[in-house]
Amino acid sequence: MKTSLALTLVTACAVAGGGTGAALRAFHSDTPSHSQQPPTIASTTTPRPTVTHTAQPPKATPTTTPAVTPPPTRPQPCRSTGVRLTLTYAGAAAGSSGENLIVTNVGRDNCLLMGYALVHLLSSGAVLSATDTGGQVDGPVNPEPVILAPGKQAAATVLVADADNYPAKQCGVVTTNGLQVILPGDSGMVVLPMKARGCTNPKDNVLRVMPFSTQFTTVTP
């Protein structure tokens, strides 16, 4: 109905000489607008999760402890059961004769000779009282240890003073036929044949001994 009325008004205006332009403008001004507005889209913002960073302690740098090498273990003292003892002539000088007491390791392990052997002169199997302690001479205060490997040798020189150089009545000269040896750190006794002239008087000790060494001593005038 409204559309027919509008067309009638347009026609009337055209007839009245107002022109079609005015009529069209009137038509458009009275016709409701049918243009569609774009729908409004509500934007929803999703909150981001909060990330908490916890500071980590710095990693400890591993330390390397240098390996400590233990000191070498000293071998056991040489025992009379694991060595062979012999005597060899070392010479004579200044009224004394010398014998090298040689120790040979016949065992399977190293053994230790530290210091002096205890030596006694024997007369008919009896220890002369004058030589019970076995004097020590010509050696350092603290002799160096001698480590004797299997098959190796070391020696200690035994010096015997000529008993005839002592007053006969004071000395009580007697012929000896053996030398009793006790190695340092051992309790075993070894008797070696050795002829010498000794004194029965305890004050006249004709026997002296040197420390063990890998070098053999020669007694010279």
N, C-alpha and C. Protein backbone atom coordinates (compact mmCIF):
# COMPACT_ATOMS: atom_id res chain seq x y z
N MET A 1 0.85 -1.19 0.00
CA MET A 1 0.00 0.00 0.00
C MET A 1 0.87 1.22 0.00
N LYS A 2 1.97 1.14 0.90
CA LYS A 2 2.86 2.30 0.99
C LYS A 2 3.63 2.41 -0.29
N THR A 3 3.98 1.27 -0.92
CA THR A 3 4.74 1.33 -2.18
C THR A 3 3.91 1.96 -3.29
N SER A 4 2.65 1.65 -3.36
CA SER A 4 1.78 2.25 -4.38
C SER A 4 1.64 3.73 -4.17
N LEU A 5 1.57 4.13 -2.91
CA LEU A 5 1.46 5.56 -2.60
C LEU A 5 2.69 6.29 -3.01
N ALA A 6 3.85 5.66 -2.77
CA ALA A 6 5.11 6.30 -3.13
C ALA A 6 5.21 6.44 -4.62
N LEU A 7 4.80 5.44 -5.37
CA LEU A 7 4.88 5.55 -6.82
C LEU A 7 3.93 6.62 -7.32
N THR A 8 2.76 6.73 -6.69
CA THR A 8 1.80 7.77 -7.09
C THR A 8 2.37 9.15 -6.88
N LEU A 9 3.14 9.30 -5.67
CA LEU A 9 3.73 10.61 -5.38
C LEU A 9 4.83 10.91 -6.36
N VAL A 10 5.60 9.90 -6.73
CA VAL A 10 6.68 10.14 -7.70
C VAL A 10 6.10 10.56 -9.03
N THR A 11 5.04 9.88 -9.40
CA THR A 11 4.44 10.22 -10.70
C THR A 11 3.86 11.61 -10.67
N ALA A 12 3.24 11.94 -9.56
CA ALA A 12 2.63 13.25 -9.44
C ALA A 12 3.66 14.32 -9.49
N CYS A 13 4.77 14.10 -8.82
CA CYS A 13 5.86 15.10 -8.82
C CYS A 13 6.42 15.24 -10.20
N ALA A 14 6.50 14.16 -10.91
CA ALA A 14 7.05 14.25 -12.26
C ALA A 14 6.10 15.04 -13.15
N VAL A 15 4.83 14.82 -12.93
CA VAL A 15 3.87 15.53 -13.75
C VAL A 15 3.87 17.00 -13.41
N ALA A 16 4.03 17.31 -12.15
CA ALA A 16 4.01 18.71 -11.73
C ALA A 16 5.25 19.41 -12.17
N GLY A 17 6.20 18.76 -12.73
CA GLY A 17 7.39 19.42 -13.26
C GLY A 17 8.50 19.52 -12.27
N GLY A 18 8.30 18.85 -11.15
CA GLY A 18 9.43 18.90 -10.18
C GLY A 18 10.59 18.03 -10.64
N GLY A 19 10.39 17.24 -11.68
CA GLY A 19 11.49 16.41 -12.21
C GLY A 19 11.62 15.10 -11.47
N THR A 20 12.16 14.21 -12.13
CA THR A 20 12.31 12.84 -11.55
C THR A 20 13.38 12.82 -10.48
N GLY A 21 14.33 13.72 -10.53
CA GLY A 21 15.45 13.69 -9.55
C GLY A 21 14.93 13.96 -8.17
N ALA A 22 14.01 14.98 -8.07
CA ALA A 22 13.48 15.30 -6.76
C ALA A 22 12.61 14.19 -6.26
N ALA A 23 11.84 13.61 -7.21
CA ALA A 23 10.97 12.53 -6.81
C ALA A 23 11.77 11.34 -6.29
N LEU A 24 12.88 11.05 -6.93
CA LEU A 24 13.71 9.93 -6.48
C LEU A 24 14.34 10.21 -5.13
N ARG A 25 14.70 11.47 -4.93
CA ARG A 25 15.31 11.80 -3.64
C ARG A 25 14.27 11.64 -2.55
N ALA A 26 13.05 12.02 -2.84
CA ALA A 26 12.00 11.88 -1.84
C ALA A 26 11.72 10.42 -1.58
N PHE A 27 11.81 9.63 -2.60
CA PHE A 27 11.54 8.21 -2.44
C PHE A 27 12.58 7.55 -1.56
N HIS A 28 13.84 7.88 -1.82
CA HIS A 28 14.93 7.28 -1.04
C HIS A 28 14.92 7.74 0.39
N SER A 29 14.46 8.98 0.61
CA SER A 29 14.47 9.47 1.99
C SER A 29 13.39 8.83 2.81
N ASP A 30 12.31 8.40 2.19
CA ASP A 30 11.20 7.80 2.94
C ASP A 30 11.33 6.28 3.02
N THR A 31 12.17 5.68 2.14
CA THR A 31 12.29 4.21 2.13
C THR A 31 13.29 3.77 3.21
N PRO A 32 12.83 2.91 4.05
CA PRO A 32 13.76 2.49 5.13
C PRO A 32 14.96 1.74 4.53
N SER A 33 16.13 1.90 5.16
CA SER A 33 17.38 1.28 4.67
C SER A 33 17.41 -0.19 5.08
N HIS A 34 17.70 -1.00 4.08
CA HIS A 34 17.80 -2.45 4.36
C HIS A 34 19.25 -2.95 4.38
N SER A 35 20.26 -2.02 4.53
CA SER A 35 21.69 -2.46 4.56
C SER A 35 21.98 -3.18 5.88
N GLN A 36 22.71 -4.32 5.78
CA GLN A 36 23.03 -5.13 6.97
C GLN A 36 24.38 -4.73 7.56
N GLN A 37 24.33 -4.50 8.86
CA GLN A 37 25.59 -4.21 9.57
C GLN A 37 26.29 -5.54 9.90
N PRO A 38 27.58 -5.56 9.81
CA PRO A 38 28.31 -6.80 10.15
C PRO A 38 28.13 -7.14 11.62
N PRO A 39 27.95 -8.42 11.91
CA PRO A 39 27.74 -8.80 13.32
C PRO A 39 28.96 -8.47 14.17
N THR A 40 28.63 -8.08 15.37
CA THR A 40 29.71 -7.77 16.30
C THR A 40 30.20 -9.06 16.95
N ILE A 41 31.46 -9.34 16.84
CA ILE A 41 32.07 -10.56 17.41
C ILE A 41 32.82 -10.18 18.67
N ALA A 42 32.35 -10.72 19.74
CA ALA A 42 33.00 -10.40 21.02
C ALA A 42 34.29 -11.24 21.13
N SER A 43 35.39 -10.54 21.29
CA SER A 43 36.68 -11.25 21.40
C SER A 43 36.91 -11.65 22.85
N THR A 44 37.23 -12.90 22.97
CA THR A 44 37.52 -13.42 24.32
C THR A 44 39.02 -13.69 24.42
N THR A 45 39.63 -13.06 25.39
CA THR A 45 41.08 -13.23 25.59
C THR A 45 41.32 -14.30 26.64
N THR A 46 41.97 -15.37 26.21
CA THR A 46 42.31 -16.45 27.14
C THR A 46 43.59 -16.08 27.89
N PRO A 47 43.51 -16.02 29.22
CA PRO A 47 44.72 -15.62 29.96
C PRO A 47 45.81 -16.68 29.83
N ARG A 48 47.01 -16.20 29.66
CA ARG A 48 48.16 -17.11 29.57
C ARG A 48 48.54 -17.61 30.96
N PRO A 49 48.88 -18.87 31.01
CA PRO A 49 49.30 -19.39 32.33
C PRO A 49 50.59 -18.73 32.79
N THR A 50 50.65 -18.48 34.08
CA THR A 50 51.83 -17.85 34.65
C THR A 50 52.90 -18.91 34.88
N VAL A 51 54.06 -18.69 34.31
CA VAL A 51 55.16 -19.63 34.45
C VAL A 51 56.14 -19.07 35.47
N THR A 52 56.37 -19.85 36.51
CA THR A 52 57.29 -19.42 37.57
C THR A 52 58.63 -20.11 37.36
N HIS A 53 59.67 -19.31 37.26
CA HIS A 53 61.02 -19.84 37.09
C HIS A 53 61.73 -19.84 38.43
N THR A 54 62.10 -21.03 38.87
CA THR A 54 62.83 -21.15 40.14
C THR A 54 64.32 -21.24 39.84
N ALA A 55 65.06 -20.35 40.46
CA ALA A 55 66.51 -20.33 40.22
C ALA A 55 67.15 -21.58 40.81
N GLN A 56 67.91 -22.29 39.98
CA GLN A 56 68.60 -23.49 40.44
C GLN A 56 70.00 -23.12 40.94
N PRO A 57 70.42 -23.74 42.04
CA PRO A 57 71.77 -23.45 42.51
C PRO A 57 72.79 -23.96 41.51
N PRO A 58 73.91 -23.27 41.41
CA PRO A 58 74.93 -23.72 40.45
C PRO A 58 75.44 -25.10 40.82
N LYS A 59 75.68 -25.89 39.78
CA LYS A 59 76.19 -27.24 40.01
C LYS A 59 77.62 -27.17 40.50
N ALA A 60 77.89 -27.97 41.52
CA ALA A 60 79.24 -28.00 42.07
C ALA A 60 80.18 -28.69 41.09
N THR A 61 81.32 -28.08 40.91
CA THR A 61 82.32 -28.68 40.03
C THR A 61 83.01 -29.82 40.75
N PRO A 62 82.94 -31.03 40.20
CA PRO A 62 83.57 -32.15 40.91
C PRO A 62 85.07 -31.95 41.02
N THR A 63 85.59 -32.20 42.20
CA THR A 63 87.02 -32.07 42.42
C THR A 63 87.66 -33.44 42.41
N THR A 64 88.81 -33.51 41.80
CA THR A 64 89.53 -34.77 41.71
C THR A 64 90.64 -34.79 42.74
N THR A 65 90.57 -35.73 43.66
CA THR A 65 91.59 -35.86 44.69
C THR A 65 92.72 -36.72 44.14
N PRO A 66 93.93 -36.17 44.11
CA PRO A 66 95.03 -36.97 43.57
C PRO A 66 95.26 -38.22 44.41
N ALA A 67 95.54 -39.28 43.72
CA ALA A 67 95.79 -40.55 44.42
C ALA A 67 97.09 -40.47 45.21
N VAL A 68 97.03 -40.90 46.43
CA VAL A 68 98.20 -40.89 47.29
C VAL A 68 98.85 -42.27 47.23
N THR A 69 100.08 -42.27 46.79
CA THR A 69 100.80 -43.53 46.71
C THR A 69 101.37 -43.87 48.07
N PRO A 70 100.98 -44.97 48.59
CA PRO A 70 101.51 -45.33 49.91
C PRO A 70 103.00 -45.62 49.83
N PRO A 71 103.69 -45.31 50.92
CA PRO A 71 105.12 -45.61 50.91
C PRO A 71 105.36 -47.10 50.79
N PRO A 72 106.46 -47.48 50.15
CA PRO A 72 106.73 -48.91 49.99
C PRO A 72 106.89 -49.59 51.34
N THR A 73 106.36 -50.77 51.46
CA THR A 73 106.44 -51.53 52.70
C THR A 73 107.79 -52.22 52.80
N ARG A 74 108.40 -52.06 53.96
CA ARG A 74 109.68 -52.73 54.16
C ARG A 74 109.47 -54.24 54.26
N PRO A 75 110.38 -54.99 53.68
CA PRO A 75 110.27 -56.45 53.82
C PRO A 75 110.60 -56.89 55.24
N GLN A 76 110.32 -58.13 55.53
CA GLN A 76 110.62 -58.71 56.83
C GLN A 76 112.13 -58.90 56.98
N PRO A 77 112.62 -58.89 58.23
CA PRO A 77 114.05 -59.15 58.44
C PRO A 77 114.47 -60.50 57.86
N CYS A 78 115.69 -60.56 57.41
CA CYS A 78 116.22 -61.83 56.90
C CYS A 78 116.30 -62.84 58.04
N ARG A 79 115.76 -64.01 57.81
CA ARG A 79 115.76 -65.08 58.81
C ARG A 79 116.83 -66.11 58.46
N SER A 80 117.34 -66.75 59.50
CA SER A 80 118.37 -67.76 59.28
C SER A 80 117.85 -68.92 58.43
N THR A 81 116.52 -69.13 58.44
CA THR A 81 115.93 -70.22 57.66
C THR A 81 115.79 -69.87 56.18
N GLY A 82 115.94 -68.59 55.83
CA GLY A 82 115.74 -68.19 54.44
C GLY A 82 117.01 -67.66 53.77
N VAL A 83 118.15 -67.77 54.47
CA VAL A 83 119.41 -67.28 53.90
C VAL A 83 120.49 -68.34 54.07
N ARG A 84 121.58 -68.14 53.36
CA ARG A 84 122.77 -68.99 53.52
C ARG A 84 123.92 -68.10 53.98
N LEU A 85 124.59 -68.52 55.05
CA LEU A 85 125.71 -67.76 55.61
C LEU A 85 127.03 -68.46 55.31
N THR A 86 128.01 -67.66 54.88
CA THR A 86 129.34 -68.18 54.61
C THR A 86 130.37 -67.16 55.08
N LEU A 87 131.60 -67.62 55.27
CA LEU A 87 132.72 -66.75 55.64
C LEU A 87 133.79 -66.82 54.56
N THR A 88 134.32 -65.68 54.17
CA THR A 88 135.45 -65.63 53.23
C THR A 88 136.52 -64.71 53.82
N TYR A 89 137.74 -65.06 53.58
CA TYR A 89 138.86 -64.29 54.14
C TYR A 89 138.90 -62.90 53.50
N ALA A 90 139.08 -61.87 54.34
CA ALA A 90 139.08 -60.50 53.84
C ALA A 90 140.43 -59.82 53.96
N GLY A 91 141.42 -60.49 54.55
CA GLY A 91 142.75 -59.90 54.68
C GLY A 91 143.12 -59.65 56.13
N ALA A 92 144.33 -59.07 56.32
CA ALA A 92 144.83 -58.81 57.67
C ALA A 92 145.63 -57.52 57.67
N ALA A 93 145.59 -56.84 58.82
CA ALA A 93 146.35 -55.61 58.97
C ALA A 93 146.34 -55.19 60.43
N ALA A 94 147.45 -54.60 60.89
CA ALA A 94 147.56 -54.01 62.22
C ALA A 94 147.15 -54.97 63.32
N GLY A 95 147.61 -56.21 63.22
CA GLY A 95 147.36 -57.18 64.28
C GLY A 95 145.96 -57.75 64.28
N SER A 96 145.20 -57.56 63.24
CA SER A 96 143.84 -58.11 63.17
C SER A 96 143.65 -58.78 61.81
N SER A 97 142.83 -59.80 61.79
CA SER A 97 142.45 -60.45 60.53
C SER A 97 140.96 -60.23 60.33
N GLY A 98 140.56 -60.30 59.06
CA GLY A 98 139.16 -60.03 58.74
C GLY A 98 138.50 -61.16 57.99
N GLU A 99 137.25 -61.37 58.28
CA GLU A 99 136.42 -62.35 57.56
C GLU A 99 135.13 -61.64 57.12
N ASN A 100 134.77 -61.85 55.86
CA ASN A 100 133.50 -61.31 55.38
C ASN A 100 132.38 -62.31 55.66
N LEU A 101 131.44 -61.90 56.48
CA LEU A 101 130.26 -62.71 56.75
C LEU A 101 129.26 -62.43 55.63
N ILE A 102 129.09 -63.38 54.72
CA ILE A 102 128.26 -63.18 53.53
C ILE A 102 126.89 -63.81 53.76
N VAL A 103 125.86 -63.03 53.46
CA VAL A 103 124.48 -63.49 53.58
C VAL A 103 123.89 -63.56 52.17
N THR A 104 123.42 -64.73 51.77
CA THR A 104 122.78 -64.92 50.46
C THR A 104 121.31 -65.25 50.67
N ASN A 105 120.45 -64.49 50.02
CA ASN A 105 119.01 -64.74 50.13
C ASN A 105 118.64 -65.93 49.25
N VAL A 106 118.23 -67.03 49.88
CA VAL A 106 117.84 -68.23 49.13
C VAL A 106 116.33 -68.41 49.13
N GLY A 107 115.60 -67.41 49.64
CA GLY A 107 114.14 -67.49 49.67
C GLY A 107 113.52 -66.92 48.40
N ARG A 108 112.21 -66.76 48.43
CA ARG A 108 111.47 -66.25 47.26
C ARG A 108 111.12 -64.78 47.38
N ASP A 109 111.30 -64.20 48.58
CA ASP A 109 110.91 -62.81 48.81
C ASP A 109 112.12 -61.99 49.24
N ASN A 110 111.98 -60.66 49.07
CA ASN A 110 113.01 -59.77 49.59
C ASN A 110 113.05 -59.88 51.11
N CYS A 111 114.23 -59.63 51.68
CA CYS A 111 114.35 -59.57 53.13
C CYS A 111 115.27 -58.41 53.50
N LEU A 112 115.22 -58.03 54.77
CA LEU A 112 115.90 -56.81 55.23
C LEU A 112 117.03 -57.14 56.19
N LEU A 113 118.20 -56.53 55.94
CA LEU A 113 119.32 -56.55 56.87
C LEU A 113 119.53 -55.14 57.37
N MET A 114 119.31 -54.94 58.66
CA MET A 114 119.37 -53.58 59.22
C MET A 114 120.33 -53.56 60.40
N GLY A 115 121.51 -52.98 60.18
CA GLY A 115 122.44 -52.82 61.30
C GLY A 115 123.47 -53.92 61.39
N TYR A 116 123.66 -54.42 62.61
CA TYR A 116 124.76 -55.33 62.91
C TYR A 116 124.27 -56.72 63.28
N ALA A 117 125.06 -57.70 62.91
CA ALA A 117 124.83 -59.06 63.39
C ALA A 117 125.44 -59.19 64.78
N LEU A 118 124.89 -60.09 65.57
CA LEU A 118 125.46 -60.41 66.88
C LEU A 118 126.34 -61.64 66.70
N VAL A 119 127.64 -61.49 66.99
CA VAL A 119 128.58 -62.57 66.72
C VAL A 119 129.30 -62.96 68.01
N HIS A 120 129.62 -64.26 68.12
CA HIS A 120 130.34 -64.79 69.28
C HIS A 120 131.37 -65.80 68.80
N LEU A 121 132.53 -65.77 69.43
CA LEU A 121 133.53 -66.81 69.18
C LEU A 121 133.20 -68.01 70.05
N LEU A 122 133.43 -69.19 69.52
CA LEU A 122 133.15 -70.43 70.23
C LEU A 122 134.45 -71.20 70.44
N SER A 123 134.57 -71.74 71.61
CA SER A 123 135.70 -72.60 71.93
C SER A 123 135.15 -73.92 72.45
N SER A 124 135.36 -74.99 71.67
CA SER A 124 134.81 -76.31 72.01
C SER A 124 133.31 -76.24 72.23
N GLY A 125 132.63 -75.41 71.42
CA GLY A 125 131.18 -75.30 71.49
C GLY A 125 130.67 -74.33 72.53
N ALA A 126 131.54 -73.78 73.38
CA ALA A 126 131.11 -72.85 74.43
C ALA A 126 131.40 -71.41 73.98
N VAL A 127 130.46 -70.52 74.30
CA VAL A 127 130.64 -69.11 73.95
C VAL A 127 131.64 -68.48 74.90
N LEU A 128 132.63 -67.81 74.36
CA LEU A 128 133.59 -67.12 75.20
C LEU A 128 132.92 -65.92 75.85
N SER A 129 133.06 -65.78 77.15
CA SER A 129 132.40 -64.69 77.86
C SER A 129 132.88 -63.32 77.38
N ALA A 130 134.09 -63.28 76.87
CA ALA A 130 134.65 -62.01 76.45
C ALA A 130 133.97 -61.48 75.18
N THR A 131 133.26 -62.35 74.46
CA THR A 131 132.68 -61.92 73.19
C THR A 131 131.15 -62.03 73.18
N ASP A 132 130.56 -62.04 74.36
CA ASP A 132 129.10 -62.21 74.42
C ASP A 132 128.37 -61.10 73.67
N THR A 133 128.86 -59.89 73.72
CA THR A 133 128.14 -58.78 73.10
C THR A 133 128.53 -58.54 71.65
N GLY A 134 129.68 -58.98 71.24
CA GLY A 134 130.11 -58.76 69.86
C GLY A 134 130.28 -57.28 69.57
N GLY A 135 131.48 -56.77 69.67
CA GLY A 135 131.69 -55.33 69.50
C GLY A 135 131.35 -54.84 68.10
N GLN A 136 131.07 -53.53 68.00
CA GLN A 136 130.70 -52.92 66.72
C GLN A 136 131.68 -51.79 66.42
N VAL A 137 132.26 -51.77 65.22
CA VAL A 137 133.23 -50.74 64.86
C VAL A 137 133.02 -50.31 63.41
N ASP A 138 133.60 -49.16 63.12
CA ASP A 138 133.69 -48.67 61.74
C ASP A 138 132.35 -48.61 61.02
N GLY A 139 131.29 -48.38 61.74
CA GLY A 139 129.97 -48.29 61.12
C GLY A 139 129.29 -46.99 61.49
N PRO A 140 128.36 -46.52 60.66
CA PRO A 140 127.62 -45.31 60.98
C PRO A 140 126.72 -45.51 62.20
N VAL A 141 126.34 -44.39 62.83
CA VAL A 141 125.46 -44.47 64.00
C VAL A 141 124.14 -45.12 63.61
N ASN A 142 123.60 -44.72 62.46
CA ASN A 142 122.36 -45.32 61.95
C ASN A 142 122.65 -45.95 60.59
N PRO A 143 123.05 -47.21 60.58
CA PRO A 143 123.40 -47.84 59.30
C PRO A 143 122.22 -47.88 58.34
N GLU A 144 122.53 -47.79 57.08
CA GLU A 144 121.50 -47.85 56.04
C GLU A 144 120.93 -49.27 55.94
N PRO A 145 119.62 -49.38 55.76
CA PRO A 145 119.04 -50.72 55.59
C PRO A 145 119.46 -51.32 54.26
N VAL A 146 119.63 -52.62 54.25
CA VAL A 146 119.99 -53.36 53.04
C VAL A 146 118.83 -54.29 52.71
N ILE A 147 118.19 -54.05 51.56
CA ILE A 147 117.11 -54.94 51.11
C ILE A 147 117.71 -55.97 50.17
N LEU A 148 117.57 -57.20 50.57
CA LEU A 148 118.22 -58.29 49.86
C LEU A 148 117.18 -59.04 49.02
N ALA A 149 117.32 -58.92 47.70
CA ALA A 149 116.41 -59.62 46.79
C ALA A 149 116.82 -61.09 46.70
N PRO A 150 115.90 -61.95 46.26
CA PRO A 150 116.25 -63.36 46.11
C PRO A 150 117.48 -63.55 45.23
N GLY A 151 118.42 -64.34 45.73
CA GLY A 151 119.66 -64.61 44.99
C GLY A 151 120.75 -63.58 45.20
N LYS A 152 120.46 -62.46 45.87
CA LYS A 152 121.46 -61.40 46.07
C LYS A 152 122.20 -61.59 47.40
N GLN A 153 123.35 -60.87 47.51
CA GLN A 153 124.21 -61.04 48.67
C GLN A 153 124.52 -59.70 49.34
N ALA A 154 124.80 -59.77 50.61
CA ALA A 154 125.32 -58.64 51.38
C ALA A 154 126.35 -59.21 52.35
N ALA A 155 127.21 -58.32 52.89
CA ALA A 155 128.28 -58.83 53.75
C ALA A 155 128.53 -57.87 54.91
N ALA A 156 128.99 -58.42 56.01
CA ALA A 156 129.47 -57.66 57.16
C ALA A 156 130.84 -58.20 57.52
N THR A 157 131.81 -57.32 57.67
CA THR A 157 133.18 -57.75 57.96
C THR A 157 133.35 -57.98 59.46
N VAL A 158 133.88 -59.14 59.79
CA VAL A 158 134.18 -59.49 61.19
C VAL A 158 135.69 -59.39 61.37
N LEU A 159 136.10 -58.58 62.34
CA LEU A 159 137.52 -58.38 62.63
C LEU A 159 137.88 -59.12 63.91
N VAL A 160 138.98 -59.88 63.86
CA VAL A 160 139.45 -60.64 65.02
C VAL A 160 140.88 -60.20 65.33
N ALA A 161 141.04 -59.60 66.49
CA ALA A 161 142.39 -59.18 66.93
C ALA A 161 143.19 -60.41 67.35
N ASP A 162 144.49 -60.34 67.16
CA ASP A 162 145.38 -61.45 67.53
C ASP A 162 145.51 -61.48 69.05
N ALA A 163 145.00 -62.54 69.66
CA ALA A 163 145.03 -62.65 71.12
C ALA A 163 146.46 -62.70 71.67
N ASP A 164 147.42 -63.11 70.82
CA ASP A 164 148.81 -63.17 71.29
C ASP A 164 149.39 -61.79 71.54
N ASN A 165 148.71 -60.75 71.09
CA ASN A 165 149.17 -59.39 71.35
C ASN A 165 148.78 -58.91 72.75
N TYR A 166 147.98 -59.69 73.47
CA TYR A 166 147.58 -59.34 74.83
C TYR A 166 148.50 -60.08 75.82
N PRO A 167 148.65 -59.54 76.99
CA PRO A 167 149.44 -60.29 78.00
C PRO A 167 148.83 -61.66 78.24
N ALA A 168 149.64 -62.69 78.20
CA ALA A 168 149.15 -64.06 78.23
C ALA A 168 148.34 -64.35 79.49
N LYS A 169 148.87 -63.90 80.68
CA LYS A 169 148.16 -64.19 81.92
C LYS A 169 146.83 -63.43 82.01
N GLN A 170 146.82 -62.22 81.48
CA GLN A 170 145.59 -61.40 81.53
C GLN A 170 144.55 -61.92 80.56
N CYS A 171 144.97 -62.29 79.36
CA CYS A 171 144.05 -62.70 78.29
C CYS A 171 143.49 -64.09 78.53
N GLY A 172 144.34 -65.01 78.88
CA GLY A 172 143.90 -66.41 78.93
C GLY A 172 143.62 -66.91 77.53
N VAL A 173 144.70 -66.95 76.74
CA VAL A 173 144.56 -67.29 75.33
C VAL A 173 143.99 -68.69 75.15
N VAL A 174 143.07 -68.80 74.17
CA VAL A 174 142.45 -70.08 73.85
C VAL A 174 142.19 -70.12 72.34
N THR A 175 142.24 -71.30 71.79
CA THR A 175 141.96 -71.46 70.36
C THR A 175 140.46 -71.64 70.16
N THR A 176 139.92 -70.87 69.24
CA THR A 176 138.48 -70.96 68.94
C THR A 176 138.28 -71.77 67.67
N ASN A 177 137.10 -72.38 67.55
CA ASN A 177 136.83 -73.22 66.38
C ASN A 177 135.51 -72.89 65.69
N GLY A 178 134.87 -71.83 66.12
CA GLY A 178 133.60 -71.52 65.48
C GLY A 178 133.16 -70.07 65.72
N LEU A 179 132.26 -69.62 64.87
CA LEU A 179 131.67 -68.29 65.00
C LEU A 179 130.16 -68.44 65.02
N GLN A 180 129.54 -68.01 66.10
CA GLN A 180 128.08 -68.05 66.20
C GLN A 180 127.50 -66.71 65.72
N VAL A 181 126.49 -66.78 64.84
CA VAL A 181 125.92 -65.57 64.23
C VAL A 181 124.42 -65.52 64.46
N ILE A 182 123.94 -64.34 64.89
CA ILE A 182 122.50 -64.07 64.97
C ILE A 182 122.25 -62.81 64.14
N LEU A 183 121.45 -62.93 63.11
CA LEU A 183 121.17 -61.80 62.22
C LEU A 183 120.29 -60.76 62.94
N PRO A 184 120.42 -59.48 62.55
CA PRO A 184 119.60 -58.45 63.19
C PRO A 184 118.11 -58.67 62.93
N GLY A 185 117.32 -58.63 64.01
CA GLY A 185 115.89 -58.84 63.88
C GLY A 185 115.48 -60.30 63.89
N ASP A 186 116.44 -61.19 64.06
CA ASP A 186 116.16 -62.64 64.05
C ASP A 186 116.62 -63.23 65.38
N SER A 187 116.13 -64.40 65.68
CA SER A 187 116.54 -65.10 66.90
C SER A 187 117.23 -66.42 66.60
N GLY A 188 117.22 -66.80 65.34
CA GLY A 188 117.88 -68.06 64.97
C GLY A 188 119.39 -67.92 64.99
N MET A 189 120.07 -68.96 65.44
CA MET A 189 121.53 -68.95 65.53
C MET A 189 122.13 -69.87 64.47
N VAL A 190 123.19 -69.38 63.86
CA VAL A 190 123.93 -70.17 62.87
C VAL A 190 125.38 -70.22 63.33
N VAL A 191 125.98 -71.40 63.32
CA VAL A 191 127.38 -71.57 63.72
C VAL A 191 128.20 -71.91 62.48
N LEU A 192 129.22 -71.11 62.26
CA LEU A 192 130.11 -71.31 61.12
C LEU A 192 131.50 -71.69 61.63
N PRO A 193 132.17 -72.61 60.95
CA PRO A 193 133.54 -72.97 61.39
C PRO A 193 134.51 -71.81 61.16
N MET A 194 135.28 -71.46 62.20
CA MET A 194 136.29 -70.42 62.07
C MET A 194 137.34 -70.60 63.17
N LYS A 195 138.59 -70.76 62.76
CA LYS A 195 139.68 -70.89 63.72
C LYS A 195 140.29 -69.52 63.99
N ALA A 196 140.48 -69.24 65.27
CA ALA A 196 141.09 -67.99 65.67
C ALA A 196 141.68 -68.16 67.06
N ARG A 197 142.31 -67.10 67.55
CA ARG A 197 142.86 -67.09 68.91
C ARG A 197 142.08 -66.05 69.69
N GLY A 198 141.43 -66.50 70.77
CA GLY A 198 140.63 -65.59 71.56
C GLY A 198 141.07 -65.56 73.00
N CYS A 199 140.43 -64.68 73.78
CA CYS A 199 140.74 -64.53 75.20
C CYS A 199 139.55 -64.97 76.05
N THR A 200 139.84 -65.60 77.15
CA THR A 200 138.78 -65.98 78.07
C THR A 200 138.46 -64.86 79.05
N ASN A 201 139.33 -63.89 79.15
CA ASN A 201 139.11 -62.77 80.05
C ASN A 201 138.07 -61.84 79.43
N PRO A 202 136.95 -61.55 80.15
CA PRO A 202 135.91 -60.68 79.58
C PRO A 202 136.40 -59.29 79.22
N LYS A 203 137.48 -58.84 79.83
CA LYS A 203 137.98 -57.50 79.54
C LYS A 203 138.69 -57.43 78.20
N ASP A 204 139.07 -58.56 77.67
CA ASP A 204 139.83 -58.58 76.42
C ASP A 204 138.95 -59.17 75.31
N ASN A 205 138.18 -58.31 74.71
CA ASN A 205 137.29 -58.75 73.62
C ASN A 205 138.04 -58.57 72.31
N VAL A 206 138.35 -59.66 71.66
CA VAL A 206 139.13 -59.60 70.43
C VAL A 206 138.26 -59.50 69.19
N LEU A 207 136.94 -59.52 69.36
CA LEU A 207 136.04 -59.61 68.21
C LEU A 207 135.32 -58.28 67.96
N ARG A 208 135.28 -57.89 66.70
CA ARG A 208 134.54 -56.69 66.27
C ARG A 208 133.77 -57.02 64.98
N VAL A 209 132.68 -56.26 64.74
CA VAL A 209 131.88 -56.53 63.54
C VAL A 209 131.42 -55.19 62.94
N MET A 210 131.32 -55.16 61.62
CA MET A 210 130.88 -53.96 60.89
C MET A 210 129.45 -54.15 60.41
N PRO A 211 128.76 -53.07 60.04
CA PRO A 211 127.37 -53.20 59.58
C PRO A 211 127.30 -53.87 58.20
N PHE A 212 126.12 -54.38 57.89
CA PHE A 212 125.92 -55.03 56.59
C PHE A 212 125.95 -54.00 55.47
N SER A 213 126.48 -54.45 54.34
CA SER A 213 126.57 -53.61 53.15
C SER A 213 126.56 -54.51 51.92
N THR A 214 126.21 -53.92 50.79
CA THR A 214 126.27 -54.68 49.54
C THR A 214 127.69 -54.69 48.96
N GLN A 215 128.59 -53.93 49.59
CA GLN A 215 129.97 -53.90 49.15
C GLN A 215 130.85 -54.70 50.12
N PHE A 216 131.66 -55.57 49.57
CA PHE A 216 132.52 -56.41 50.41
C PHE A 216 133.78 -55.62 50.78
N THR A 217 134.22 -55.80 52.01
CA THR A 217 135.39 -55.08 52.51
C THR A 217 136.64 -55.94 52.41
N THR A 218 137.71 -55.28 52.04
CA THR A 218 139.00 -55.94 52.02
C THR A 218 139.89 -55.28 53.06
N VAL A 219 140.43 -56.08 53.98
CA VAL A 219 141.32 -55.57 55.03
C VAL A 219 142.73 -55.60 54.49
N THR A 220 143.35 -54.41 54.41
CA THR A 220 144.71 -54.32 53.87
C THR A 220 145.60 -53.58 54.87
N PRO A 221 146.91 -53.87 54.84
CA PRO A 221 147.85 -53.19 55.74
C PRO A 221 147.90 -51.69 55.47
